[in-house]
Amino acid sequence: MTTNRLMAALAFAVFTAFLAVVGFRVGRLDLAIVIVISLALAAYDLWGQLGRRRR
């Protein structure tokens, strides 16, 4: 269970880093809005999957 959480956190960190590089290199406001929405959806999914207790 701990390995799943660690891998999910690592994947989210890599995804965030990738979107940050794209956002800084392009530098457009509309792209920044899409990046923020994408990160919010990924964080919500990560929190929903790893945050709930499994029986």
N, C-alpha and C. Protein backbone atom coordinates (compact mmCIF):
# COMPACT_ATOMS: atom_id res chain seq x y z
N MET A 1 0.82 -1.18 0.00
CA MET A 1 0.00 0.00 0.00
C MET A 1 0.87 1.26 0.00
N THR A 2 1.94 1.25 0.73
CA THR A 2 2.82 2.41 0.78
C THR A 2 3.51 2.62 -0.57
N THR A 3 3.84 1.53 -1.25
CA THR A 3 4.47 1.65 -2.56
C THR A 3 3.54 2.31 -3.56
N ASN A 4 2.25 1.98 -3.49
CA ASN A 4 1.28 2.61 -4.39
C ASN A 4 1.19 4.10 -4.15
N ARG A 5 1.19 4.50 -2.91
CA ARG A 5 1.12 5.93 -2.59
C ARG A 5 2.38 6.66 -3.05
N LEU A 6 3.52 6.03 -2.86
CA LEU A 6 4.78 6.64 -3.27
C LEU A 6 4.85 6.79 -4.79
N MET A 7 4.46 5.76 -5.51
CA MET A 7 4.48 5.84 -6.97
C MET A 7 3.48 6.85 -7.50
N ALA A 8 2.32 6.94 -6.87
CA ALA A 8 1.33 7.93 -7.29
C ALA A 8 1.83 9.35 -7.04
N ALA A 9 2.47 9.56 -5.90
CA ALA A 9 3.03 10.89 -5.61
C ALA A 9 4.15 11.24 -6.58
N LEU A 10 4.98 10.27 -6.90
CA LEU A 10 6.05 10.50 -7.87
C LEU A 10 5.50 10.82 -9.25
N ALA A 11 4.47 10.10 -9.67
CA ALA A 11 3.86 10.35 -10.97
C ALA A 11 3.23 11.74 -11.01
N PHE A 12 2.60 12.15 -9.93
CA PHE A 12 2.01 13.49 -9.87
C PHE A 12 3.09 14.56 -9.92
N ALA A 13 4.20 14.32 -9.25
CA ALA A 13 5.31 15.27 -9.26
C ALA A 13 5.91 15.40 -10.66
N VAL A 14 6.07 14.30 -11.34
CA VAL A 14 6.62 14.33 -12.71
C VAL A 14 5.64 15.04 -13.65
N PHE A 15 4.36 14.76 -13.50
CA PHE A 15 3.33 15.41 -14.31
C PHE A 15 3.34 16.92 -14.07
N THR A 16 3.46 17.32 -12.81
CA THR A 16 3.51 18.74 -12.46
C THR A 16 4.76 19.40 -13.05
N ALA A 17 5.89 18.73 -12.97
CA ALA A 17 7.12 19.28 -13.52
C ALA A 17 7.02 19.44 -15.03
N PHE A 18 6.44 18.46 -15.70
CA PHE A 18 6.28 18.53 -17.15
C PHE A 18 5.39 19.71 -17.54
N LEU A 19 4.26 19.85 -16.85
CA LEU A 19 3.36 20.96 -17.18
C LEU A 19 3.97 22.31 -16.83
N ALA A 20 4.80 22.35 -15.79
CA ALA A 20 5.47 23.60 -15.44
C ALA A 20 6.45 24.02 -16.52
N VAL A 21 7.20 23.06 -17.06
CA VAL A 21 8.14 23.37 -18.14
C VAL A 21 7.40 23.87 -19.36
N VAL A 22 6.33 23.19 -19.72
CA VAL A 22 5.54 23.62 -20.89
C VAL A 22 4.97 25.01 -20.65
N GLY A 23 4.44 25.24 -19.46
CA GLY A 23 3.84 26.54 -19.16
C GLY A 23 4.84 27.68 -19.18
N PHE A 24 6.03 27.45 -18.63
CA PHE A 24 7.04 28.50 -18.62
C PHE A 24 7.63 28.76 -20.00
N ARG A 25 7.78 27.72 -20.79
CA ARG A 25 8.37 27.90 -22.12
C ARG A 25 7.41 28.61 -23.07
N VAL A 26 6.12 28.28 -22.98
CA VAL A 26 5.15 28.90 -23.89
C VAL A 26 4.70 30.26 -23.36
N GLY A 27 4.34 30.32 -22.09
CA GLY A 27 4.03 31.60 -21.46
C GLY A 27 2.75 32.26 -21.91
N ARG A 28 1.72 31.49 -22.18
CA ARG A 28 0.43 32.06 -22.57
C ARG A 28 -0.56 31.91 -21.44
N LEU A 29 -1.44 32.87 -21.28
CA LEU A 29 -2.41 32.86 -20.19
C LEU A 29 -3.42 31.73 -20.35
N ASP A 30 -3.92 31.52 -21.55
CA ASP A 30 -4.90 30.46 -21.76
C ASP A 30 -4.30 29.07 -21.50
N LEU A 31 -3.04 28.89 -21.84
CA LEU A 31 -2.38 27.62 -21.53
C LEU A 31 -2.19 27.46 -20.03
N ALA A 32 -1.89 28.54 -19.34
CA ALA A 32 -1.74 28.48 -17.88
C ALA A 32 -3.05 28.08 -17.21
N ILE A 33 -4.16 28.57 -17.72
CA ILE A 33 -5.46 28.20 -17.17
C ILE A 33 -5.73 26.71 -17.37
N VAL A 34 -5.42 26.21 -18.54
CA VAL A 34 -5.61 24.78 -18.83
C VAL A 34 -4.70 23.93 -17.94
N ILE A 35 -3.48 24.39 -17.71
CA ILE A 35 -2.54 23.66 -16.85
C ILE A 35 -3.06 23.61 -15.42
N VAL A 36 -3.57 24.72 -14.92
CA VAL A 36 -4.10 24.75 -13.55
C VAL A 36 -5.30 23.82 -13.43
N ILE A 37 -6.18 23.82 -14.41
CA ILE A 37 -7.33 22.92 -14.38
C ILE A 37 -6.87 21.47 -14.43
N SER A 38 -5.89 21.17 -15.27
CA SER A 38 -5.38 19.80 -15.38
C SER A 38 -4.76 19.33 -14.07
N LEU A 39 -3.98 20.18 -13.44
CA LEU A 39 -3.38 19.82 -12.16
C LEU A 39 -4.43 19.66 -11.07
N ALA A 40 -5.45 20.50 -11.09
CA ALA A 40 -6.53 20.37 -10.10
C ALA A 40 -7.27 19.05 -10.27
N LEU A 41 -7.55 18.66 -11.50
CA LEU A 41 -8.23 17.39 -11.75
C LEU A 41 -7.36 16.20 -11.35
N ALA A 42 -6.08 16.27 -11.65
CA ALA A 42 -5.17 15.18 -11.27
C ALA A 42 -5.02 15.09 -9.75
N ALA A 43 -4.95 16.24 -9.08
CA ALA A 43 -4.84 16.23 -7.62
C ALA A 43 -6.11 15.70 -6.99
N TYR A 44 -7.26 16.05 -7.53
CA TYR A 44 -8.53 15.54 -7.01
C TYR A 44 -8.62 14.03 -7.17
N ASP A 45 -8.19 13.53 -8.31
CA ASP A 45 -8.21 12.09 -8.55
C ASP A 45 -7.22 11.38 -7.62
N LEU A 46 -6.04 11.95 -7.45
CA LEU A 46 -5.05 11.36 -6.55
C LEU A 46 -5.58 11.33 -5.12
N TRP A 47 -6.16 12.42 -4.68
CA TRP A 47 -6.72 12.49 -3.33
C TRP A 47 -7.88 11.52 -3.16
N GLY A 48 -8.71 11.40 -4.17
CA GLY A 48 -9.86 10.50 -4.10
C GLY A 48 -9.44 9.03 -4.06
N GLN A 49 -8.42 8.68 -4.80
CA GLN A 49 -8.01 7.28 -4.87
C GLN A 49 -7.16 6.88 -3.67
N LEU A 50 -6.28 7.73 -3.23
CA LEU A 50 -5.38 7.37 -2.15
C LEU A 50 -5.86 7.84 -0.78
N GLY A 51 -6.78 8.77 -0.75
CA GLY A 51 -7.22 9.31 0.52
C GLY A 51 -8.25 8.46 1.23
N ARG A 52 -9.05 7.72 0.48
CA ARG A 52 -10.09 6.93 1.13
C ARG A 52 -9.50 5.67 1.75
N ARG A 53 -10.11 5.25 2.78
CA ARG A 53 -9.66 4.05 3.49
C ARG A 53 -10.28 2.81 2.84
N ARG A 54 -9.47 1.83 2.63
CA ARG A 54 -9.96 0.58 2.04
C ARG A 54 -10.08 -0.45 3.13
N ARG A 55 -11.12 -1.26 3.03
CA ARG A 55 -11.35 -2.28 4.06
C ARG A 55 -10.98 -3.65 3.56
